[in-house]
């Protein structure tokens, strides 16, 4: 995990970078059927490809898959093992510029986040970060690399203490 002692340290690191500033790669997290079922309950999205393992086993993915928006909602959990900025009063989610789900996420898979800081600008007494976060699934048997299941360009505003 990359740790920045202050928000100013992050600002200076981005300014010194030639292009996007790599923030790192986080730890693996398993996506369980229980988590998918809880997400379905919370959102009302009970489509069988997510919640019916028996039917989904005969479907196009060979089993249940996580909701795309469940993948996206894992970003706070996954990103906290990628990088941290100390000395903040608060940080708020400001939105997303883009979100894509390039591959399905089979239930039982492990995922992690890889992130890079694309930009940082002063905003509302803090700094607005633009981060490209890629959620990748642990490589399936026989594949050499992890597979992206969600790529999001997110915005957050960090406020110094």
C-alpha atoms as a PDB file:
ATOM      1  CA  UNK A   1       0.000   0.000   0.000  1.00  0.00           C
ATOM      2  CA  UNK A   2       1.216   3.450  -0.893  1.00  0.00           C
ATOM      3  CA  UNK A   3       0.838   5.961   1.945  1.00  0.00           C
ATOM      4  CA  UNK A   4       0.974   9.722   1.552  1.00  0.00           C
ATOM      5  CA  UNK A   5       1.604  11.548   4.846  1.00  0.00           C
ATOM      6  CA  UNK A   6      -0.385  14.587   3.712  1.00  0.00           C
ATOM      7  CA  UNK A   7      -2.595  15.722   0.876  1.00  0.00           C
ATOM      8  CA  UNK A   8       0.204  18.085  -0.174  1.00  0.00           C
ATOM      9  CA  UNK A   9       2.495  15.051  -0.567  1.00  0.00           C
ATOM     10  CA  UNK A  10      -0.001  13.526  -2.986  1.00  0.00           C
ATOM     11  CA  UNK A  11      -0.314  16.812  -4.913  1.00  0.00           C
ATOM     12  CA  UNK A  12       3.485  17.041  -5.231  1.00  0.00           C
ATOM     13  CA  UNK A  13       3.830  13.393  -6.261  1.00  0.00           C
ATOM     14  CA  UNK A  14       1.261  13.871  -9.046  1.00  0.00           C
ATOM     15  CA  UNK A  15       2.956  17.085 -10.198  1.00  0.00           C
ATOM     16  CA  UNK A  16       6.311  15.294 -10.396  1.00  0.00           C
ATOM     17  CA  UNK A  17       4.922  12.307 -12.314  1.00  0.00           C
ATOM     18  CA  UNK A  18       5.414  12.048 -16.038  1.00  0.00           C
ATOM     19  CA  UNK A  19       1.839  11.084 -16.877  1.00  0.00           C
ATOM     20  CA  UNK A  20      -0.553   9.249 -14.554  1.00  0.00           C
ATOM     21  CA  UNK A  21       0.772   8.517 -11.061  1.00  0.00           C
ATOM     22  CA  UNK A  22       0.581   4.776 -10.307  1.00  0.00           C
ATOM     23  CA  UNK A  23      -1.030   4.328  -6.886  1.00  0.00           C
ATOM     24  CA  UNK A  24      -0.577   0.579  -6.715  1.00  0.00           C
ATOM     25  CA  UNK A  25      -2.437  -2.696  -6.593  1.00  0.00           C
ATOM     26  CA  UNK A  26      -4.520  -3.846  -3.650  1.00  0.00           C
ATOM     27  CA  UNK A  27      -5.260  -7.120  -1.943  1.00  0.00           C
ATOM     28  CA  UNK A  28      -7.535  -9.878  -3.218  1.00  0.00           C
ATOM     29  CA  UNK A  29     -11.148 -10.099  -2.037  1.00  0.00           C
ATOM     30  CA  UNK A  30     -13.548 -12.978  -2.768  1.00  0.00           C
ATOM     31  CA  UNK A  31     -17.011 -12.183  -4.130  1.00  0.00           C
ATOM     32  CA  UNK A  32     -19.466 -14.625  -2.534  1.00  0.00           C
ATOM     33  CA  UNK A  33     -22.981 -15.656  -3.505  1.00  0.00           C
ATOM     34  CA  UNK A  34     -24.101 -14.250  -0.154  1.00  0.00           C
ATOM     35  CA  UNK A  35     -22.754 -10.799  -1.112  1.00  0.00           C
ATOM     36  CA  UNK A  36     -24.491 -11.023  -4.501  1.00  0.00           C
ATOM     37  CA  UNK A  37     -27.769 -12.024  -2.830  1.00  0.00           C
ATOM     38  CA  UNK A  38     -27.527  -9.128  -0.353  1.00  0.00           C
ATOM     39  CA  UNK A  39     -26.865  -6.722  -3.231  1.00  0.00           C
ATOM     40  CA  UNK A  40     -29.877  -8.112  -5.115  1.00  0.00           C
ATOM     41  CA  UNK A  41     -32.025  -7.586  -2.032  1.00  0.00           C
ATOM     42  CA  UNK A  42     -30.762  -4.029  -1.544  1.00  0.00           C
ATOM     43  CA  UNK A  43     -31.277  -3.026  -5.191  1.00  0.00           C
ATOM     44  CA  UNK A  44     -34.247  -5.145  -6.202  1.00  0.00           C
ATOM     45  CA  UNK A  45     -32.250  -6.675  -9.070  1.00  0.00           C
ATOM     46  CA  UNK A  46     -33.035 -10.381  -8.717  1.00  0.00           C
ATOM     47  CA  UNK A  47     -32.180 -11.404 -12.287  1.00  0.00           C
ATOM     48  CA  UNK A  48     -31.515 -15.156 -12.359  1.00  0.00           C
ATOM     49  CA  UNK A  49     -27.960 -14.781 -13.716  1.00  0.00           C
ATOM     50  CA  UNK A  50     -27.113 -13.294 -10.314  1.00  0.00           C
ATOM     51  CA  UNK A  51     -29.348 -15.103  -7.836  1.00  0.00           C
ATOM     52  CA  UNK A  52     -30.276 -18.558  -9.143  1.00  0.00           C
ATOM     53  CA  UNK A  53     -27.159 -20.786  -9.106  1.00  0.00           C
ATOM     54  CA  UNK A  54     -29.011 -23.818 -10.485  1.00  0.00           C
ATOM     55  CA  UNK A  55     -30.468 -22.010 -13.494  1.00  0.00           C
ATOM     56  CA  UNK A  56     -27.316 -19.933 -14.010  1.00  0.00           C
ATOM     57  CA  UNK A  57     -25.220 -23.125 -14.211  1.00  0.00           C
ATOM     58  CA  UNK A  58     -27.083 -23.875 -17.462  1.00  0.00           C
ATOM     59  CA  UNK A  59     -26.823 -20.273 -18.683  1.00  0.00           C
ATOM     60  CA  UNK A  60     -24.286 -18.382 -20.760  1.00  0.00           C
ATOM     61  CA  UNK A  61     -21.762 -17.883 -17.932  1.00  0.00           C
ATOM     62  CA  UNK A  62     -21.784 -21.389 -16.442  1.00  0.00           C
ATOM     63  CA  UNK A  63     -22.822 -20.045 -13.047  1.00  0.00           C
ATOM     64  CA  UNK A  64     -23.970 -16.933 -11.270  1.00  0.00           C
ATOM     65  CA  UNK A  65     -22.203 -13.655 -11.878  1.00  0.00           C
ATOM     66  CA  UNK A  66     -21.991 -10.527  -9.748  1.00  0.00           C
ATOM     67  CA  UNK A  67     -23.996  -7.481 -10.736  1.00  0.00           C
ATOM     68  CA  UNK A  68     -21.869  -4.931 -12.580  1.00  0.00           C
ATOM     69  CA  UNK A  69     -22.839  -2.291 -10.049  1.00  0.00           C
ATOM     70  CA  UNK A  70     -21.841  -4.634  -7.232  1.00  0.00           C
ATOM     71  CA  UNK A  71     -18.373  -4.734  -8.787  1.00  0.00           C
ATOM     72  CA  UNK A  72     -18.318  -0.937  -8.854  1.00  0.00           C
ATOM     73  CA  UNK A  73     -19.585  -0.713  -5.273  1.00  0.00           C
ATOM     74  CA  UNK A  74     -16.579  -2.739  -4.106  1.00  0.00           C
ATOM     75  CA  UNK A  75     -14.233   0.146  -4.927  1.00  0.00           C
ATOM     76  CA  UNK A  76     -14.162   1.655  -1.403  1.00  0.00           C
ATOM     77  CA  UNK A  77     -13.316  -1.750   0.089  1.00  0.00           C
ATOM     78  CA  UNK A  78     -10.709  -2.567  -2.548  1.00  0.00           C
ATOM     79  CA  UNK A  79      -9.114   0.882  -2.765  1.00  0.00           C
ATOM     80  CA  UNK A  80      -8.349   1.062   0.936  1.00  0.00           C
ATOM     81  CA  UNK A  81      -5.653  -1.569   0.334  1.00  0.00           C
ATOM     82  CA  UNK A  82      -4.182   0.354  -2.634  1.00  0.00           C
ATOM     83  CA  UNK A  83      -3.316   3.762  -1.168  1.00  0.00           C
ATOM     84  CA  UNK A  84      -4.030   6.063   1.755  1.00  0.00           C
ATOM     85  CA  UNK A  85      -3.690   9.775   2.394  1.00  0.00           C
ATOM     86  CA  UNK A  86      -3.153  10.655   6.048  1.00  0.00           C
ATOM     87  CA  UNK A  87      -4.026  13.977   7.653  1.00  0.00           C
ATOM     88  CA  UNK A  88      -7.457  14.361   6.066  1.00  0.00           C
ATOM     89  CA  UNK A  89     -10.537  15.913   7.624  1.00  0.00           C
ATOM     90  CA  UNK A  90     -12.715  13.954   5.193  1.00  0.00           C
ATOM     91  CA  UNK A  91     -12.987  12.551   1.696  1.00  0.00           C
ATOM     92  CA  UNK A  92     -16.179  12.503  -0.369  1.00  0.00           C
ATOM     93  CA  UNK A  93     -17.191  10.648  -3.489  1.00  0.00           C
ATOM     94  CA  UNK A  94     -17.872  13.244  -6.197  1.00  0.00           C
ATOM     95  CA  UNK A  95     -18.925  10.901  -9.006  1.00  0.00           C
ATOM     96  CA  UNK A  96     -17.585   9.079 -12.017  1.00  0.00           C
ATOM     97  CA  UNK A  97     -16.585  10.200 -15.471  1.00  0.00           C
ATOM     98  CA  UNK A  98     -16.953   6.725 -16.923  1.00  0.00           C
ATOM     99  CA  UNK A  99     -17.660   3.142 -15.865  1.00  0.00           C
ATOM    100  CA  UNK A 100     -17.306   0.020 -17.996  1.00  0.00           C
ATOM    101  CA  UNK A 101     -17.784  -3.690 -17.277  1.00  0.00           C
ATOM    102  CA  UNK A 102     -15.597  -5.420 -19.903  1.00  0.00           C
ATOM    103  CA  UNK A 103     -16.013  -8.968 -18.559  1.00  0.00           C
ATOM    104  CA  UNK A 104     -18.384 -10.867 -16.264  1.00  0.00           C
ATOM    105  CA  UNK A 105     -17.426 -11.531 -12.650  1.00  0.00           C
ATOM    106  CA  UNK A 106     -18.250 -15.144 -11.721  1.00  0.00           C
ATOM    107  CA  UNK A 107     -19.360 -15.634  -8.125  1.00  0.00           C
ATOM    108  CA  UNK A 108     -16.558 -17.149  -6.066  1.00  0.00           C
ATOM    109  CA  UNK A 109     -13.880 -15.204  -7.945  1.00  0.00           C
ATOM    110  CA  UNK A 110     -11.299 -13.062  -6.236  1.00  0.00           C
ATOM    111  CA  UNK A 111     -10.867  -9.429  -7.273  1.00  0.00           C
ATOM    112  CA  UNK A 112      -8.472  -6.597  -6.493  1.00  0.00           C
ATOM    113  CA  UNK A 113      -8.095  -2.967  -7.526  1.00  0.00           C
ATOM    114  CA  UNK A 114      -5.285  -1.386  -9.474  1.00  0.00           C
ATOM    115  CA  UNK A 115      -5.289   2.415  -9.534  1.00  0.00           C
ATOM    116  CA  UNK A 116      -3.585   5.416 -11.018  1.00  0.00           C
ATOM    117  CA  UNK A 117      -4.065   9.098 -10.300  1.00  0.00           C
ATOM    118  CA  UNK A 118      -4.910  10.835 -13.560  1.00  0.00           C
ATOM    119  CA  UNK A 119      -5.346  14.349 -12.241  1.00  0.00           C
ATOM    120  CA  UNK A 120      -5.689  16.528  -9.188  1.00  0.00           C
ATOM    121  CA  UNK A 121      -7.092  20.067  -9.014  1.00  0.00           C
ATOM    122  CA  UNK A 122      -8.056  22.445  -6.218  1.00  0.00           C
ATOM    123  CA  UNK A 123     -11.797  22.427  -5.503  1.00  0.00           C
ATOM    124  CA  UNK A 124     -14.025  23.647  -2.668  1.00  0.00           C
ATOM    125  CA  UNK A 125     -11.246  23.958  -0.086  1.00  0.00           C
ATOM    126  CA  UNK A 126      -9.796  20.568  -0.969  1.00  0.00           C
ATOM    127  CA  UNK A 127      -8.334  18.681  -3.879  1.00  0.00           C
ATOM    128  CA  UNK A 128     -10.404  16.856  -6.491  1.00  0.00           C
ATOM    129  CA  UNK A 129      -8.800  13.604  -7.574  1.00  0.00           C
ATOM    130  CA  UNK A 130      -9.480  11.814 -10.832  1.00  0.00           C
ATOM    131  CA  UNK A 131      -8.501   8.167 -10.398  1.00  0.00           C
ATOM    132  CA  UNK A 132      -8.677   5.339 -12.910  1.00  0.00           C
ATOM    133  CA  UNK A 133      -9.520   2.225 -10.928  1.00  0.00           C
ATOM    134  CA  UNK A 134      -9.436  -1.166 -12.578  1.00  0.00           C
ATOM    135  CA  UNK A 135     -11.053  -4.043 -10.747  1.00  0.00           C
ATOM    136  CA  UNK A 136      -9.449  -7.205 -11.975  1.00  0.00           C
ATOM    137  CA  UNK A 137     -10.452 -10.796 -11.440  1.00  0.00           C
ATOM    138  CA  UNK A 138      -7.779 -13.277 -10.495  1.00  0.00           C
ATOM    139  CA  UNK A 139      -6.715 -14.997 -13.681  1.00  0.00           C
ATOM    140  CA  UNK A 140      -8.780 -18.013 -14.641  1.00  0.00           C
ATOM    141  CA  UNK A 141      -7.060 -21.349 -15.022  1.00  0.00           C
ATOM    142  CA  UNK A 142      -4.737 -21.297 -18.012  1.00  0.00           C
ATOM    143  CA  UNK A 143      -4.629 -17.499 -18.362  1.00  0.00           C
ATOM    144  CA  UNK A 144      -1.479 -15.574 -17.508  1.00  0.00           C
ATOM    145  CA  UNK A 145      -2.997 -12.273 -16.396  1.00  0.00           C
ATOM    146  CA  UNK A 146      -5.802 -10.965 -14.250  1.00  0.00           C
ATOM    147  CA  UNK A 147      -8.898  -9.968 -16.249  1.00  0.00           C
ATOM    148  CA  UNK A 148     -10.531  -6.519 -15.861  1.00  0.00           C
ATOM    149  CA  UNK A 149     -14.187  -6.765 -14.806  1.00  0.00           C
ATOM    150  CA  UNK A 150     -14.725  -3.062 -14.099  1.00  0.00           C
ATOM    151  CA  UNK A 151     -12.830   0.032 -15.208  1.00  0.00           C
ATOM    152  CA  UNK A 152     -13.982   3.288 -13.660  1.00  0.00           C
ATOM    153  CA  UNK A 153     -12.703   6.830 -13.762  1.00  0.00           C
ATOM    154  CA  UNK A 154     -13.799   8.142 -10.384  1.00  0.00           C
ATOM    155  CA  UNK A 155     -13.809  11.569  -8.784  1.00  0.00           C
ATOM    156  CA  UNK A 156     -13.297  12.309  -5.098  1.00  0.00           C
ATOM    157  CA  UNK A 157     -12.642  15.462  -3.125  1.00  0.00           C
ATOM    158  CA  UNK A 158     -10.155  15.199  -0.279  1.00  0.00           C
ATOM    159  CA  UNK A 159     -10.107  17.846   2.448  1.00  0.00           C
ATOM    160  CA  UNK A 160      -7.012  18.435   4.583  1.00  0.00           C
ATOM    161  CA  UNK A 161      -7.332  18.441   8.352  1.00  0.00           C
END
